[in-house]
C-alpha cells in the first residue's frame, strides 16, 4: 500500500507490539506544556520504540492547543502523530475542512471520539456542537478515503482519495444491549484501514474481536484491533493475559 505508515504497519504486523505515547498539549501556544509536549515527541522519535504519538483534543472539555496543529508540527520531527478527532465542538463542515488540511499535511492517523463535554472557555460556558457522532465521522472518513463525491453547478465531482487510518474508542463494558449496539456500529462503520481501541482486561477480549487479530497497544492500557470489521465471537483462548501489561488477548 503506497501510503502505509509506521503506525498502520505495526497494527497489521502480528509480530509487532504496537506502542503509542499520549501527550496532552495544554492551554496556550508557547507555554511550558507545549514545549514539553514537543520535547517528548522528539524523544519518542529519537528512541525508535514508539510507533505514534497520541495527541489529546481538549481533554476535560477545556480549551487547549489544537491537536491537529500540534500533529502537523510533530510529523516534522520524524514520528507519526495520532490525532484525537472529537465531535463535541465541530460541525460537519469544520470536520471536513480539518480533514482536508490533515491529509495535505500528511497527518493521517486519527482516533475518532465523541470527546469530553465542553466546559468553561473565554468569558463563559462553551456551547457544545455534536453535529456528527463518531460513527458518522467514520463514514465521512471512509468516503474521503474512497474519493469524496461533492455536488457542483455542472454535476457532482469526485475529490482525490485521502489516506486516513481512522480508529474509534469502543467499550465492551455496557450495562444494556441498547448501549452496547452503539459500540458495534462503530466497528461496522470502519473501513479496511481502521482499528479500534478498547479498555483492556484479561476477560474483555472474549466476544469483542473483529475478523482479524487483536493487537495490543501500550497507551493508557488500551488494546487495539486493526482492520476492524463486523464483530464475531472470539473462539481462541486468551493469550498473553498474564504477562501483557495491558492484559489483552489475541483472538
Protein backbone atom coordinates (compact mmCIF):
# COMPACT_ATOMS: atom_id res chain seq x y z
CA UNK A 1 0.00 0.00 0.00
CA UNK A 2 1.52 3.29 -1.13
CA UNK A 3 0.73 5.33 1.98
CA UNK A 4 1.21 2.61 4.60
CA UNK A 5 2.71 4.38 7.61
CA UNK A 6 4.65 3.16 10.63
CA UNK A 7 1.60 3.02 12.90
CA UNK A 8 -0.54 1.18 10.36
CA UNK A 9 2.25 -1.31 9.62
CA UNK A 10 2.57 -2.00 13.36
CA UNK A 11 -1.16 -2.68 13.63
CA UNK A 12 -1.12 -5.11 10.73
CA UNK A 13 2.05 -6.96 11.74
CA UNK A 14 1.17 -9.89 14.01
CA UNK A 15 4.72 -9.96 15.39
CA UNK A 16 4.74 -6.27 16.40
CA UNK A 17 3.62 -4.90 19.75
CA UNK A 18 2.19 -1.51 18.70
CA UNK A 19 3.23 1.31 21.03
CA UNK A 20 1.77 4.82 21.26
CA UNK A 21 2.72 7.62 23.64
CA UNK A 22 -0.03 10.03 24.69
CA UNK A 23 0.73 13.71 25.21
CA UNK A 24 -1.57 16.50 26.42
CA UNK A 25 -0.94 19.83 24.62
CA UNK A 26 -2.37 22.07 27.36
CA UNK A 27 -3.78 25.56 27.06
CA UNK A 28 -1.62 28.09 25.27
CA UNK A 29 0.79 28.17 22.34
CA UNK A 30 4.32 28.70 23.66
CA UNK A 31 3.88 27.78 27.30
CA UNK A 32 5.85 25.15 29.22
CA UNK A 33 3.19 22.50 28.49
CA UNK A 34 3.53 22.86 24.73
CA UNK A 35 7.33 22.90 24.88
CA UNK A 36 7.24 19.73 26.99
CA UNK A 37 4.84 18.02 24.56
CA UNK A 38 7.07 18.73 21.58
CA UNK A 39 10.17 17.69 23.54
CA UNK A 40 8.58 14.35 24.49
CA UNK A 41 7.57 13.76 20.88
CA UNK A 42 11.16 14.39 19.83
CA UNK A 43 12.40 11.93 22.43
CA UNK A 44 9.93 9.35 21.16
CA UNK A 45 11.16 9.89 17.60
CA UNK A 46 14.79 9.50 18.67
CA UNK A 47 14.09 6.40 20.75
CA UNK A 48 12.65 4.44 17.85
CA UNK A 49 10.32 2.34 20.04
CA UNK A 50 7.12 4.38 19.73
CA UNK A 51 5.03 3.93 16.59
CA UNK A 52 2.87 7.04 17.04
CA UNK A 53 2.48 9.98 19.41
CA UNK A 54 -1.14 10.24 20.57
CA UNK A 55 -2.40 13.85 20.95
CA UNK A 56 -5.46 14.64 23.06
CA UNK A 57 -8.16 17.06 21.86
CA UNK A 58 -9.29 19.46 24.60
CA UNK A 59 -9.31 16.84 27.37
CA UNK A 60 -11.71 17.57 30.21
CA UNK A 61 -13.73 19.83 27.93
CA UNK A 62 -11.47 22.87 28.32
CA UNK A 63 -9.65 24.71 25.52
CA UNK A 64 -6.12 23.65 24.62
CA UNK A 65 -3.69 23.83 21.72
CA UNK A 66 -5.27 22.17 18.69
CA UNK A 67 -4.37 18.51 18.33
CA UNK A 68 -4.44 18.95 14.55
CA UNK A 69 -1.96 21.84 14.57
CA UNK A 70 0.37 20.09 17.00
CA UNK A 71 0.15 16.96 14.84
CA UNK A 72 1.42 18.92 11.84
CA UNK A 73 4.39 20.08 13.94
CA UNK A 74 5.13 16.63 15.33
CA UNK A 75 5.15 14.89 11.94
CA UNK A 76 8.15 17.08 11.04
CA UNK A 77 10.09 15.52 13.92
CA UNK A 78 10.14 12.18 12.13
CA UNK A 79 7.41 10.39 14.05
CA UNK A 80 3.76 9.85 13.20
CA UNK A 81 1.12 11.66 15.27
CA UNK A 82 -2.15 10.02 16.27
CA UNK A 83 -4.63 12.89 16.39
CA UNK A 84 -7.67 12.61 18.66
CA UNK A 85 -10.52 13.83 16.45
CA UNK A 86 -13.59 14.66 18.53
CA UNK A 87 -17.19 15.63 17.73
CA UNK A 88 -18.07 17.85 20.67
CA UNK A 89 -17.22 21.29 19.27
CA UNK A 90 -17.03 20.93 15.48
CA UNK A 91 -19.82 20.75 12.91
CA UNK A 92 -19.56 18.58 9.80
CA UNK A 93 -18.21 21.35 7.58
CA UNK A 94 -15.43 22.18 10.04
CA UNK A 95 -14.60 18.48 10.39
CA UNK A 96 -14.29 18.04 6.64
CA UNK A 97 -12.15 21.17 6.36
CA UNK A 98 -9.81 19.93 9.10
CA UNK A 99 -9.58 16.52 7.45
CA UNK A 100 -8.61 18.09 4.13
CA UNK A 101 -5.89 20.04 5.94
CA UNK A 102 -4.61 16.95 7.76
CA UNK A 103 -4.46 14.98 4.52
CA UNK A 104 -2.49 17.76 2.85
CA UNK A 105 -0.08 17.83 5.82
CA UNK A 106 0.24 14.02 5.69
CA UNK A 107 -1.19 13.61 9.19
CA UNK A 108 -3.32 10.51 8.65
CA UNK A 109 -3.72 8.63 11.93
CA UNK A 110 -6.98 9.52 13.70
CA UNK A 111 -8.71 8.40 16.88
CA UNK A 112 -12.35 9.43 16.41
CA UNK A 113 -14.26 10.05 19.65
CA UNK A 114 -17.24 11.96 21.00
CA UNK A 115 -14.95 13.96 23.27
CA UNK A 116 -15.35 15.38 26.76
CA UNK A 117 -18.36 17.65 27.20
CA UNK A 118 -17.29 21.31 26.80
CA UNK A 119 -16.73 23.30 29.97
CA UNK A 120 -15.89 26.92 30.63
CA UNK A 121 -14.00 28.85 27.97
CA UNK A 122 -13.34 32.52 27.33
CA UNK A 123 -15.91 34.66 29.18
CA UNK A 124 -18.29 31.82 29.89
CA UNK A 125 -19.56 28.34 29.11
CA UNK A 126 -18.60 26.84 25.76
CA UNK A 127 -21.51 25.73 23.57
CA UNK A 128 -21.40 22.07 22.51
CA UNK A 129 -21.98 21.08 18.87
CA UNK A 130 -22.21 17.28 18.41
CA UNK A 131 -23.31 17.65 14.77
CA UNK A 132 -21.94 14.19 13.89
CA UNK A 133 -21.30 11.25 16.18
CA UNK A 134 -18.18 9.06 15.86
CA UNK A 135 -19.95 6.51 13.65
CA UNK A 136 -20.91 9.25 11.19
CA UNK A 137 -17.41 10.71 11.27
CA UNK A 138 -16.01 7.27 10.41
CA UNK A 139 -18.45 7.21 7.47
CA UNK A 140 -17.13 10.61 6.38
CA UNK A 141 -13.51 9.45 6.64
CA UNK A 142 -14.30 6.28 4.67
CA UNK A 143 -15.99 8.37 1.97
CA UNK A 144 -12.95 10.64 1.80
CA UNK A 145 -10.62 7.64 1.53
CA UNK A 146 -12.66 6.44 -1.44
CA UNK A 147 -12.76 9.89 -3.01
CA UNK A 148 -15.47 12.19 -1.65
CA UNK A 149 -18.23 13.00 -4.13
CA UNK A 150 -19.30 16.65 -3.86
CA UNK A 151 -22.14 18.47 -5.66
CA UNK A 152 -21.38 21.19 -8.19
CA UNK A 153 -23.13 23.52 -10.62
CA UNK A 154 -22.31 21.18 -13.52
CA UNK A 155 -22.96 17.99 -11.60
CA UNK A 156 -21.11 16.04 -8.92
CA UNK A 157 -17.34 15.75 -8.91
CA UNK A 158 -15.11 13.33 -7.03
CA UNK A 159 -12.15 14.51 -5.00
CA UNK A 160 -8.83 12.67 -4.87
CA UNK A 161 -8.86 9.84 -2.31
CA UNK A 162 -7.46 10.55 1.15
CA UNK A 163 -5.33 8.07 3.11
CA UNK A 164 -6.58 8.20 6.69
CA UNK A 165 -6.14 5.39 9.19
CA UNK A 166 -9.06 6.11 11.50
CA UNK A 167 -9.84 4.34 14.74
CA UNK A 168 -12.61 4.59 17.29
CA UNK A 169 -12.84 4.04 21.03
CA UNK A 170 -15.09 1.04 21.70
CA UNK A 171 -16.05 -0.35 25.09
CA UNK A 172 -17.36 -3.89 25.72
CA UNK A 173 -18.44 -2.84 29.23
CA UNK A 174 -22.01 -1.58 28.74
CA UNK A 175 -24.96 -2.28 31.02
CA UNK A 176 -27.70 -2.86 28.45
CA UNK A 177 -27.90 -4.08 24.86
CA UNK A 178 -29.02 -0.69 23.52
CA UNK A 179 -25.80 0.89 24.81
CA UNK A 180 -23.68 -1.99 23.51
CA UNK A 181 -25.06 -1.78 19.96
CA UNK A 182 -23.70 1.73 19.57
CA UNK A 183 -20.22 0.29 20.11
CA UNK A 184 -20.73 -2.38 17.43
CA UNK A 185 -21.92 0.24 14.96
CA UNK A 186 -18.53 1.92 15.19
CA UNK A 187 -16.89 -1.33 14.05
CA UNK A 188 -19.41 -1.77 11.23
CA UNK A 189 -18.69 1.79 10.03
CA UNK A 190 -14.96 1.15 9.93
CA UNK A 191 -13.14 0.56 6.68
CA UNK A 192 -10.35 -1.90 5.95
CA UNK A 193 -7.81 0.74 7.10
CA UNK A 194 -9.44 1.16 10.50
CA UNK A 195 -8.83 -0.02 14.03
CA UNK A 196 -10.48 0.14 17.45
CA UNK A 197 -9.20 0.94 20.91
CA UNK A 198 -10.83 -0.87 23.83
CA UNK A 199 -10.34 -0.89 27.61
CA UNK A 200 -8.13 -3.88 28.34
CA UNK A 201 -8.55 -6.63 30.89
CA UNK A 202 -7.90 -10.34 30.90
CA UNK A 203 -11.56 -11.01 30.12
CA UNK A 204 -12.51 -8.10 27.88
CA UNK A 205 -11.36 -9.67 24.62
CA UNK A 206 -13.79 -12.56 24.57
CA UNK A 207 -16.68 -11.69 22.29
CA UNK A 208 -15.02 -8.44 21.22
CA UNK A 209 -12.82 -9.34 18.26
CA UNK A 210 -13.26 -8.39 14.65
CA UNK A 211 -12.47 -10.60 11.70
CA UNK A 212 -8.74 -10.03 12.16
CA UNK A 213 -6.32 -10.38 15.03
CA UNK A 214 -6.43 -8.24 18.13
CA UNK A 215 -3.38 -6.07 18.70
CA UNK A 216 -2.09 -4.66 21.95
CA UNK A 217 -1.10 -1.01 22.23
CA UNK A 218 0.86 0.25 25.21
CA UNK A 219 -1.08 3.51 25.56
CA UNK A 220 -3.30 4.26 28.53
CA UNK A 221 -3.77 0.49 29.00
CA UNK A 222 -5.73 0.04 25.79
CA UNK A 223 -5.80 -2.79 23.32
CA UNK A 224 -6.03 -2.20 19.60
CA UNK A 225 -7.81 -4.23 16.96
CA UNK A 226 -6.65 -3.37 13.45
CA UNK A 227 -8.74 -3.70 10.30
CA UNK A 228 -11.94 -3.60 12.32
CA UNK A 229 -14.82 -5.44 10.74
CA UNK A 230 -18.10 -6.95 11.81
CA UNK A 231 -17.60 -8.41 15.30
CA UNK A 232 -17.61 -12.13 15.85
CA UNK A 233 -17.23 -14.20 18.97
CA UNK A 234 -13.66 -14.95 19.87
CA UNK A 235 -13.04 -18.69 19.92
CA UNK A 236 -9.36 -18.66 20.83
CA UNK A 237 -8.26 -18.79 24.43
CA UNK A 238 -6.79 -15.53 25.74
CA UNK A 239 -3.03 -15.34 25.30
CA UNK A 240 -0.52 -13.04 26.97
CA UNK A 241 -3.17 -12.16 29.56
CA UNK A 242 -0.84 -12.88 32.44
CA UNK A 243 2.31 -11.33 31.03
CA UNK A 244 0.97 -8.41 28.99
CA UNK A 245 0.96 -5.04 30.83
CA UNK A 246 -2.49 -4.43 29.35
CA UNK A 247 -3.75 -7.97 29.96
CA UNK A 248 -5.05 -8.27 26.41
CA UNK A 249 -5.59 -11.37 24.32
CA UNK A 250 -5.07 -12.35 20.74
CA UNK A 251 -8.15 -13.71 19.01
